[in-house]
Amino acid sequence: MDWLKASATQQGRAILAGVLDPIDQTEAYLAAAKAHPDSARIFARLTPERARSEAVAAHDRAKQERRHSLLDGVAISWKDNIDSGGTVTEAGSKLLEGRVPRKDANILARAARRGMVCLGKTHLTELAFSGLGLNPVTATPPNALDPDLAPGGSSSGAAVSVALGLAAAAIGSDTGGSVRVPAAWNGLVGFKPSHGALPEKGVVPLARKFDIAGPLARSVEDCAQLFAIMADQRAPDLEGAEISGKRLMVLDGLPYDGAEPGPVAAFQDAVDRLAKAGATITHVTTDWLDRALALSPQLFAPEAYGIWRAQIEDAPELMWKPILDRFRGGAEVSGPDYVAAWESLMRVRRKWIKEVVGGYDAVLVPTVPIMPPNAQRLMEDEAEFVRANLLTLRNTRIANLLGLPAVTLPTGHPACGISLMGHAGQDRHLLRVAAGAEAALDVGTA
């Protein structure tokens, strides 16, 4: 087996069985990362001293049969907007150049206490404000499936580090799709928990009312284990999970507007396979969801600009213009309009629960309605960047707006994912449903 491309849980069980040594595996990942020709575009920085120290401790615990979790000794990467004590954490922005937090973010500290190894910090879009994954200010990672294509963002380096076998799994963050888009475009599983399910302390904010950290990995089980560790709770029971008998709702209408044939065909093929495996599929159209998505410019950018206005306007020349313009768009929304937009969104959330999703185990949409675009074209054509970015995040943003947990799974078609959205606060149930869907699709990961 190529252990560098084994799932995190496979590695954890191999460590438990004495087949895999955390020290050897950590050294293998560090060597692979250092040797990769695009390493500097994927990792903002490696943390070899920390990784080796944590691996030695995990090795000793394994020998003494006192491991702290299934993933004790497993080495993962962390998006560079998640604080790591004593290590530069810049959130992909020159505005934060040289910033060194004193302590680990709560979620990273919890992972360390459960024995996980921190390999390093991965590149992202500036302050996490784009779904395409481009960042000419620091670095743009290559798409793992085709280096000419956009990697997806904002957790771009997180996804690529896993897909290329440079980390067992990764932790990113998701405000409008920033875990699920790069996971889909790089052939991985990505999980966005319900808003508020994980502590936010130590994660550089973009829009706190939507921000949530989440794992990118090779399996639903990996995501479930990582989520449980970050939430400081027991892992969900996925044993015997199957999709047969589950009620799944396909959300028609809006998710297909402007969609390209490839993602739509891949999604339909995946839905057909779920139905063949025994799931009950129902198609539903909600005309009013369009109005909820239309609220996005009045919700995301005003909060983001409110958080970052002082730093941005002190040195706007340090930012890439398309990202700067996205932030500044928040200045155009008045306070009353922002409050009114939130009032409208809360009515939509109540309507969603009352009129739409009752009785369904999950809602299905194509994760991203377009294939990853050519990265160079996006760099050269600002209008195309804006168009592609809005369309890329359109479907994933539904879960953020509604506060729902969501999982993207590979469909078996390159760069095409199928997303399952669950009920707010019922993350563990969604993960079990997703595990059943994953078994039915049986496509593996990158």
Protein backbone atom coordinates (compact mmCIF):
# COMPACT_ATOMS: atom_id res chain seq x y z
CA MET A 1 0.00 0.00 0.00
CA ASP A 2 1.09 3.57 -0.71
CA TRP A 3 0.67 4.86 2.83
CA LEU A 4 1.07 8.47 1.73
CA LYS A 5 -2.25 8.11 -0.11
CA ALA A 6 -3.99 5.95 2.45
CA SER A 7 -6.89 7.47 4.34
CA ALA A 8 -6.33 8.96 7.77
CA THR A 9 -8.33 6.22 9.46
CA GLN A 10 -6.45 3.51 7.55
CA GLN A 11 -3.23 5.00 8.83
CA GLY A 12 -4.59 5.24 12.36
CA ARG A 13 -5.54 1.56 12.37
CA ALA A 14 -2.15 0.62 10.91
CA ILE A 15 -0.44 2.50 13.74
CA LEU A 16 -2.66 0.65 16.23
CA ALA A 17 -1.69 -2.68 14.64
CA GLY A 18 2.01 -1.82 14.70
CA VAL A 19 2.19 -1.89 10.89
CA LEU A 20 2.93 1.83 10.55
CA ASP A 21 5.25 3.98 12.65
CA PRO A 22 4.21 7.62 13.19
CA ILE A 23 7.82 8.74 13.03
CA ASP A 24 8.47 7.04 9.69
CA GLN A 25 5.18 8.25 8.22
CA THR A 26 5.74 11.84 9.34
CA GLU A 27 9.24 11.80 7.86
CA ALA A 28 7.83 10.39 4.63
CA TYR A 29 5.26 13.20 4.40
CA LEU A 30 7.84 15.88 5.19
CA ALA A 31 10.19 14.46 2.56
CA ALA A 32 7.41 14.23 -0.03
CA ALA A 33 6.31 17.80 0.66
CA LYS A 34 9.85 19.15 0.48
CA ALA A 35 10.58 17.26 -2.74
CA HIS A 36 7.40 18.15 -4.57
CA PRO A 37 8.07 20.73 -7.31
CA ASP A 38 5.02 22.75 -6.27
CA SER A 39 5.61 22.51 -2.53
CA ALA A 40 6.01 26.26 -2.11
CA ARG A 41 2.69 26.80 -3.89
CA ILE A 42 0.87 24.33 -1.63
CA PHE A 43 2.40 24.89 1.81
CA ALA A 44 2.76 28.39 3.18
CA ARG A 45 5.23 26.77 5.57
CA LEU A 46 6.03 23.33 6.91
CA THR A 47 6.45 22.80 10.67
CA PRO A 48 9.04 19.99 10.75
CA GLU A 49 10.19 20.51 14.35
CA ARG A 50 6.67 20.38 15.71
CA ALA A 51 5.74 17.47 13.45
CA ARG A 52 8.74 15.40 14.54
CA SER A 53 8.16 16.10 18.22
CA GLU A 54 4.50 15.12 17.96
CA ALA A 55 5.38 12.00 15.94
CA VAL A 56 7.89 10.83 18.54
CA ALA A 57 5.30 11.27 21.28
CA ALA A 58 2.74 9.35 19.22
CA HIS A 59 5.28 6.57 18.58
CA ASP A 60 5.90 6.24 22.34
CA ARG A 61 2.18 6.14 23.14
CA ALA A 62 1.62 3.46 20.51
CA LYS A 63 4.37 1.33 22.01
CA GLN A 64 2.86 1.76 25.47
CA GLU A 65 -0.68 1.04 24.18
CA ARG A 66 -2.07 4.34 25.44
CA ARG A 67 -3.01 6.12 22.23
CA HIS A 68 -5.30 9.13 22.62
CA SER A 69 -7.54 8.53 19.58
CA LEU A 70 -7.87 6.49 16.42
CA LEU A 71 -5.94 9.25 14.62
CA ASP A 72 -3.14 9.48 17.20
CA GLY A 73 0.08 9.77 15.17
CA VAL A 74 -1.64 10.67 11.88
CA ALA A 75 -0.12 13.70 10.14
CA ILE A 76 -2.36 16.38 8.62
CA SER A 77 -2.09 19.90 7.24
CA TRP A 78 -3.87 23.05 8.45
CA LYS A 79 -5.14 25.99 6.44
CA ASP A 80 -3.07 29.07 7.17
CA ASN A 81 -5.96 31.00 8.69
CA ILE A 82 -5.98 28.61 11.66
CA ASP A 83 -3.64 29.82 14.40
CA SER A 84 -0.64 27.68 15.28
CA GLY A 85 1.18 28.94 18.35
CA GLY A 86 4.65 30.31 17.60
CA THR A 87 4.26 29.77 13.86
CA VAL A 88 3.53 32.50 11.34
CA THR A 89 -0.16 32.48 10.38
CA GLU A 90 -0.99 35.03 7.65
CA ALA A 91 -4.36 33.93 6.17
CA GLY A 92 -2.97 34.33 2.66
CA SER A 93 -2.69 38.10 3.04
CA LYS A 94 0.17 40.58 3.00
CA LEU A 95 -1.92 42.57 5.46
CA LEU A 96 -1.00 39.95 8.07
CA GLU A 97 2.58 39.35 6.94
CA GLY A 98 4.73 38.12 9.83
CA ARG A 99 1.78 37.60 12.20
CA VAL A 100 2.69 35.02 14.88
CA PRO A 101 -0.11 33.92 17.25
CA ARG A 102 0.80 33.00 20.80
CA LYS A 103 -1.45 29.93 21.01
CA ASP A 104 -2.99 27.27 18.83
CA ALA A 105 -6.56 27.75 17.71
CA ASN A 106 -8.92 25.74 19.89
CA ILE A 107 -9.52 23.16 17.17
CA LEU A 108 -5.79 22.70 16.55
CA ALA A 109 -5.12 22.41 20.29
CA ARG A 110 -7.79 19.72 20.56
CA ALA A 111 -6.24 17.80 17.66
CA ALA A 112 -2.83 18.00 19.30
CA ARG A 113 -4.25 16.70 22.59
CA ARG A 114 -5.72 13.74 20.73
CA GLY A 115 -2.28 12.92 19.32
CA MET A 116 -2.43 14.32 15.80
CA VAL A 117 0.69 15.54 14.00
CA CYS A 118 0.78 19.03 12.47
CA LEU A 119 2.78 18.92 9.23
CA GLY A 120 2.38 22.56 8.29
CA LYS A 121 0.16 25.37 7.05
CA THR A 122 -1.37 25.51 3.57
CA HIS A 123 -1.98 28.39 1.17
CA LEU A 124 -5.41 29.94 0.68
CA THR A 125 -7.17 32.80 -1.03
CA GLU A 126 -6.53 36.21 0.56
CA LEU A 127 -8.41 36.23 3.87
CA ALA A 128 -10.42 33.26 2.51
CA PHE A 129 -12.65 35.44 0.29
CA SER A 130 -12.96 33.51 -3.00
CA GLY A 131 -14.09 30.09 -4.20
CA LEU A 132 -11.62 29.76 -7.08
CA GLY A 133 -8.41 29.39 -5.07
CA LEU A 134 -6.29 31.98 -6.88
CA ASN A 135 -3.84 34.09 -4.88
CA PRO A 136 -1.17 35.99 -6.82
CA VAL A 137 -0.19 37.82 -3.62
CA THR A 138 1.19 34.70 -1.90
CA ALA A 139 0.72 31.56 -4.04
CA THR A 140 -1.87 29.68 -6.08
CA PRO A 141 -1.71 25.90 -5.62
CA PRO A 142 -2.07 23.72 -8.72
CA ASN A 143 -5.24 21.71 -9.16
CA ALA A 144 -4.22 18.14 -8.29
CA LEU A 145 -6.10 16.74 -11.30
CA ASP A 146 -4.75 19.26 -13.83
CA PRO A 147 -2.22 21.94 -12.82
CA ASP A 148 -3.55 24.37 -15.45
CA LEU A 149 -6.92 24.54 -13.70
CA ALA A 150 -8.06 26.54 -10.68
CA PRO A 151 -7.70 24.46 -7.50
CA GLY A 152 -10.86 25.73 -5.82
CA GLY A 153 -10.86 27.80 -2.69
CA SER A 154 -10.47 29.21 -0.40
CA SER A 155 -9.00 26.04 1.18
CA SER A 156 -6.94 25.44 -1.95
CA GLY A 157 -3.65 24.25 -0.48
CA ALA A 158 -5.52 22.11 2.05
CA ALA A 159 -7.22 20.10 -0.70
CA VAL A 160 -4.15 19.82 -2.90
CA SER A 161 -1.93 18.68 -0.02
CA VAL A 162 -4.21 15.69 0.54
CA ALA A 163 -4.93 14.88 -3.11
CA LEU A 164 -1.20 14.79 -3.96
CA GLY A 165 -0.32 12.58 -0.99
CA LEU A 166 1.47 15.27 1.03
CA ALA A 167 -0.84 14.94 4.07
CA ALA A 168 -3.24 12.30 5.35
CA ALA A 169 -6.04 14.87 5.62
CA ALA A 170 -6.42 18.61 6.02
CA ILE A 171 -8.42 21.14 7.98
CA GLY A 172 -9.84 24.13 6.13
CA SER A 173 -12.60 26.64 6.72
CA ASP A 174 -15.89 27.25 4.93
CA THR A 175 -17.83 30.52 4.74
CA GLY A 176 -19.58 30.00 1.39
CA GLY A 177 -18.13 26.74 0.10
CA SER A 178 -14.41 27.00 0.86
CA VAL A 179 -14.07 23.38 2.03
CA ARG A 180 -16.46 21.74 -0.42
CA VAL A 181 -15.39 23.46 -3.66
CA PRO A 182 -11.69 22.50 -3.46
CA ALA A 183 -12.62 19.04 -2.19
CA ALA A 184 -14.84 18.47 -5.22
CA TRP A 185 -12.37 19.90 -7.74
CA ASN A 186 -9.54 17.75 -6.34
CA GLY A 187 -11.46 14.47 -5.98
CA LEU A 188 -11.90 14.46 -2.20
CA VAL A 189 -14.55 14.30 0.51
CA GLY A 190 -15.20 17.62 2.24
CA PHE A 191 -17.40 18.29 5.27
CA LYS A 192 -18.85 21.63 6.38
CA PRO A 193 -20.37 21.23 9.86
CA SER A 194 -23.41 23.15 11.05
CA HIS A 195 -22.57 26.74 11.85
CA GLY A 196 -21.44 26.94 15.47
CA ALA A 197 -20.62 23.23 15.80
CA LEU A 198 -16.91 23.96 16.34
CA PRO A 199 -15.15 26.66 18.38
CA GLU A 200 -14.04 29.63 16.28
CA LYS A 201 -11.38 30.98 18.66
CA GLY A 202 -8.05 31.18 16.89
CA VAL A 203 -9.46 30.97 13.36
CA VAL A 204 -8.86 34.20 11.43
CA PRO A 205 -12.39 35.42 10.63
CA LEU A 206 -13.95 36.34 7.32
CA ALA A 207 -17.66 36.55 8.23
CA ARG A 208 -18.30 35.11 11.69
CA LYS A 209 -22.00 34.53 11.12
CA PHE A 210 -21.12 31.99 8.42
CA ASP A 211 -17.52 30.84 9.15
CA ILE A 212 -16.95 27.23 10.20
CA ALA A 213 -13.88 24.98 10.07
CA GLY A 214 -14.10 21.60 8.38
CA PRO A 215 -12.05 18.61 7.18
CA LEU A 216 -10.97 17.62 3.66
CA ALA A 217 -10.06 13.95 3.41
CA ARG A 218 -10.24 10.68 1.50
CA SER A 219 -13.34 9.27 3.19
CA VAL A 220 -16.42 10.19 5.16
CA GLU A 221 -15.01 8.23 8.08
CA ASP A 222 -11.91 10.44 8.05
CA CYS A 223 -14.12 13.53 8.13
CA ALA A 224 -16.24 12.10 10.93
CA GLN A 225 -13.21 11.30 13.07
CA LEU A 226 -11.64 14.71 12.48
CA PHE A 227 -14.90 16.49 13.21
CA ALA A 228 -15.30 14.57 16.47
CA ILE A 229 -11.78 15.45 17.56
CA MET A 230 -12.26 19.16 16.82
CA ALA A 231 -15.68 19.11 18.52
CA ASP A 232 -14.21 17.25 21.52
CA GLN A 233 -16.80 14.49 21.34
CA ARG A 234 -16.97 10.81 20.48
CA ALA A 235 -16.92 9.91 16.81
CA PRO A 236 -20.22 9.21 15.04
CA ASP A 237 -21.10 5.54 14.62
CA LEU A 238 -20.80 4.77 10.90
CA GLU A 239 -20.76 0.99 11.24
CA GLY A 240 -23.13 -0.61 8.75
CA ALA A 241 -24.21 2.70 7.24
CA GLU A 242 -26.17 2.25 4.03
CA ILE A 243 -28.25 4.45 1.78
CA SER A 244 -31.05 1.94 1.29
CA GLY A 245 -34.29 3.23 2.80
CA LYS A 246 -33.06 6.81 3.11
CA ARG A 247 -35.24 9.62 1.77
CA LEU A 248 -33.21 12.01 -0.39
CA MET A 249 -34.49 15.23 -1.90
CA VAL A 250 -32.98 16.49 -5.16
CA LEU A 251 -33.23 20.28 -5.18
CA ASP A 252 -34.26 21.23 -8.70
CA GLY A 253 -34.25 24.64 -10.34
CA LEU A 254 -31.65 27.11 -9.07
CA PRO A 255 -28.70 24.68 -8.66
CA TYR A 256 -28.74 24.07 -12.42
CA ASP A 257 -28.97 27.66 -13.68
CA GLY A 258 -25.87 28.29 -15.80
CA ALA A 259 -24.54 24.81 -15.03
CA GLU A 260 -22.18 23.04 -17.40
CA PRO A 261 -23.07 19.62 -18.85
CA GLY A 262 -20.24 17.73 -17.10
CA PRO A 263 -21.17 18.39 -13.48
CA VAL A 264 -24.89 17.91 -14.23
CA ALA A 265 -24.31 14.55 -15.94
CA ALA A 266 -21.99 13.41 -13.14
CA PHE A 267 -24.56 14.41 -10.53
CA GLN A 268 -27.40 12.60 -12.30
CA ASP A 269 -25.27 9.48 -12.65
CA ALA A 270 -24.55 9.59 -8.91
CA VAL A 271 -28.25 10.09 -8.06
CA ASP A 272 -29.15 7.13 -10.27
CA ARG A 273 -26.67 4.95 -8.42
CA LEU A 274 -28.07 6.03 -5.05
CA ALA A 275 -31.57 5.16 -6.25
CA LYS A 276 -30.35 1.79 -7.50
CA ALA A 277 -28.88 1.18 -4.03
CA GLY A 278 -32.31 1.63 -2.48
CA ALA A 279 -32.62 5.34 -1.69
CA THR A 280 -35.96 7.04 -2.29
CA ILE A 281 -35.38 10.06 -4.52
CA THR A 282 -37.83 12.98 -4.63
CA HIS A 283 -37.40 16.07 -6.82
CA VAL A 284 -38.47 19.41 -5.31
CA THR A 285 -38.33 22.97 -6.66
CA THR A 286 -38.43 25.96 -4.30
CA ASP A 287 -38.91 29.21 -6.17
CA TRP A 288 -38.26 31.35 -3.10
CA LEU A 289 -34.75 29.94 -2.58
CA ASP A 290 -33.62 32.16 -5.45
CA ARG A 291 -34.53 35.17 -3.33
CA ALA A 292 -32.46 33.82 -0.43
CA LEU A 293 -29.39 33.45 -2.64
CA ALA A 294 -29.96 36.99 -3.90
CA LEU A 295 -29.41 38.22 -0.33
CA SER A 296 -25.77 37.07 -0.39
CA PRO A 297 -24.20 40.42 -1.40
CA GLN A 298 -26.03 42.10 1.48
CA LEU A 299 -24.81 39.55 4.04
CA PHE A 300 -21.30 38.25 3.36
CA ALA A 301 -19.39 41.31 2.10
CA PRO A 302 -20.71 43.83 4.68
CA GLU A 303 -19.63 41.62 7.57
CA ALA A 304 -16.28 40.82 5.97
CA TYR A 305 -15.56 44.47 5.20
CA GLY A 306 -16.69 45.50 8.67
CA ILE A 307 -14.14 43.12 10.19
CA TRP A 308 -11.26 44.05 7.86
CA ARG A 309 -11.96 47.65 6.79
CA ALA A 310 -9.28 49.30 8.93
CA GLN A 311 -6.49 46.96 7.84
CA ILE A 312 -7.58 47.02 4.20
CA GLU A 313 -7.84 50.78 3.90
CA ASP A 314 -4.51 51.29 5.65
CA ALA A 315 -2.78 49.40 2.82
CA PRO A 316 -5.15 48.52 -0.07
CA GLU A 317 -2.21 48.28 -2.46
CA LEU A 318 -1.21 45.01 -0.75
CA MET A 319 -4.32 43.23 -2.03
CA TRP A 320 -5.17 41.68 -5.40
CA LYS A 321 -7.78 43.91 -6.99
CA PRO A 322 -10.59 41.31 -7.48
CA ILE A 323 -10.43 40.40 -3.80
CA LEU A 324 -10.13 44.04 -2.71
CA ASP A 325 -13.21 44.86 -4.77
CA ARG A 326 -15.16 42.00 -3.16
CA PHE A 327 -14.42 43.37 0.31
CA ARG A 328 -15.18 46.96 -0.66
CA GLY A 329 -18.52 45.87 -2.04
CA GLY A 330 -19.60 45.56 1.58
CA ALA A 331 -19.30 49.33 2.03
CA GLU A 332 -22.17 49.83 -0.41
CA VAL A 333 -24.70 48.09 1.87
CA SER A 334 -26.38 50.29 4.47
CA GLY A 335 -26.92 49.21 8.05
CA PRO A 336 -30.72 49.00 7.66
CA ASP A 337 -30.35 46.96 4.47
CA TYR A 338 -27.99 44.56 6.23
CA VAL A 339 -30.43 44.09 9.12
CA ALA A 340 -33.35 43.69 6.71
CA ALA A 341 -31.42 41.06 4.75
CA TRP A 342 -30.85 39.06 7.93
CA GLU A 343 -34.53 39.31 8.82
CA SER A 344 -35.40 37.98 5.37
CA LEU A 345 -32.88 35.16 5.68
CA MET A 346 -34.27 34.06 9.05
CA ARG A 347 -37.73 33.84 7.48
CA VAL A 348 -36.27 31.68 4.69
CA ARG A 349 -34.63 29.39 7.25
CA ARG A 350 -37.93 28.90 9.06
CA LYS A 351 -39.73 28.25 5.78
CA TRP A 352 -37.07 25.72 4.75
CA ILE A 353 -37.63 23.74 7.93
CA LYS A 354 -41.42 24.03 7.94
CA GLU A 355 -42.25 23.54 4.25
CA VAL A 356 -39.36 21.78 2.52
CA VAL A 357 -37.06 19.37 4.31
CA GLY A 358 -39.24 17.63 6.88
CA GLY A 359 -38.93 13.87 6.50
CA TYR A 360 -35.85 13.92 4.27
CA ASP A 361 -32.51 12.55 5.40
CA ALA A 362 -30.53 14.81 3.06
CA VAL A 363 -30.91 17.28 0.21
CA LEU A 364 -28.83 16.67 -2.92
CA VAL A 365 -27.25 19.24 -5.27
CA PRO A 366 -24.25 19.24 -7.63
CA THR A 367 -21.44 20.54 -5.43
CA VAL A 368 -20.20 22.97 -8.08
CA PRO A 369 -22.19 23.64 -11.27
CA ILE A 370 -19.08 24.26 -13.39
CA MET A 371 -15.80 22.49 -14.04
CA PRO A 372 -12.63 24.12 -12.68
CA PRO A 373 -11.72 26.95 -15.08
CA ASN A 374 -8.30 27.67 -16.54
CA ALA A 375 -6.35 29.51 -13.84
CA GLN A 376 -4.42 31.75 -16.22
CA ARG A 377 -7.57 32.97 -17.93
CA LEU A 378 -9.05 33.90 -14.57
CA MET A 379 -5.92 35.86 -13.75
CA GLU A 380 -6.08 37.80 -17.01
CA ASP A 381 -9.84 38.43 -17.26
CA GLU A 382 -11.34 40.13 -14.21
CA ALA A 383 -14.90 39.91 -15.52
CA GLU A 384 -14.49 36.16 -16.01
CA PHE A 385 -13.06 35.85 -12.50
CA VAL A 386 -16.15 37.54 -11.04
CA ARG A 387 -18.56 35.46 -13.13
CA ALA A 388 -16.84 32.16 -12.41
CA ASN A 389 -16.44 32.89 -8.70
CA LEU A 390 -20.12 33.67 -8.18
CA LEU A 391 -21.21 30.56 -10.08
CA THR A 392 -18.65 28.35 -8.33
CA LEU A 393 -20.00 29.26 -4.89
CA ARG A 394 -23.68 29.39 -5.82
CA ASN A 395 -24.68 25.83 -4.82
CA THR A 396 -22.41 25.48 -1.80
CA ARG A 397 -23.58 28.80 -0.39
CA ILE A 398 -27.08 27.38 0.11
CA ALA A 399 -25.89 25.38 3.12
CA ASN A 400 -24.06 28.38 4.59
CA LEU A 401 -27.07 30.67 4.23
CA LEU A 402 -29.35 28.09 5.83
CA GLY A 403 -26.85 27.11 8.54
CA LEU A 404 -26.82 23.46 7.44
CA PRO A 405 -24.12 20.79 7.59
CA ALA A 406 -23.05 19.57 4.14
CA VAL A 407 -20.80 16.86 2.72
CA THR A 408 -19.40 16.64 -0.81
CA LEU A 409 -18.54 13.21 -2.19
CA PRO A 410 -16.66 12.28 -5.37
CA THR A 411 -18.96 11.04 -8.12
CA GLY A 412 -16.29 9.09 -9.98
CA HIS A 413 -16.22 11.80 -12.66
CA PRO A 414 -13.11 14.03 -12.37
CA ALA A 415 -13.66 17.32 -10.53
CA CYS A 416 -17.39 16.65 -10.07
CA GLY A 417 -18.93 16.24 -6.62
CA ILE A 418 -22.36 15.48 -5.23
CA SER A 419 -23.36 17.35 -2.08
CA LEU A 420 -25.63 16.13 0.70
CA MET A 421 -27.09 18.83 2.95
CA GLY A 422 -28.52 17.78 6.30
CA HIS A 423 -30.56 19.37 9.08
CA ALA A 424 -28.99 22.11 11.20
CA GLY A 425 -27.34 20.62 14.27
CA GLN A 426 -27.72 17.03 13.04
CA ASP A 427 -24.15 16.66 11.79
CA ARG A 428 -23.71 13.12 13.08
CA HIS A 429 -26.83 11.91 11.26
CA LEU A 430 -25.69 13.54 8.02
CA LEU A 431 -22.27 11.89 8.30
CA ARG A 432 -23.92 8.48 8.65
CA VAL A 433 -26.14 9.15 5.62
CA ALA A 434 -23.06 10.33 3.69
CA ALA A 435 -21.17 7.17 4.68
CA GLY A 436 -24.00 5.10 3.23
CA ALA A 437 -23.99 7.18 0.05
CA GLU A 438 -20.22 6.86 -0.22
CA ALA A 439 -20.48 3.06 0.02
CA ALA A 440 -23.16 3.03 -2.69
CA LEU A 441 -21.16 5.26 -5.03
CA ASP A 442 -17.96 3.26 -4.36
CA VAL A 443 -15.65 5.52 -6.34
CA GLY A 444 -12.76 6.13 -3.95
CA THR A 445 -10.84 9.44 -3.91
CA ALA A 446 -7.93 11.09 -5.65
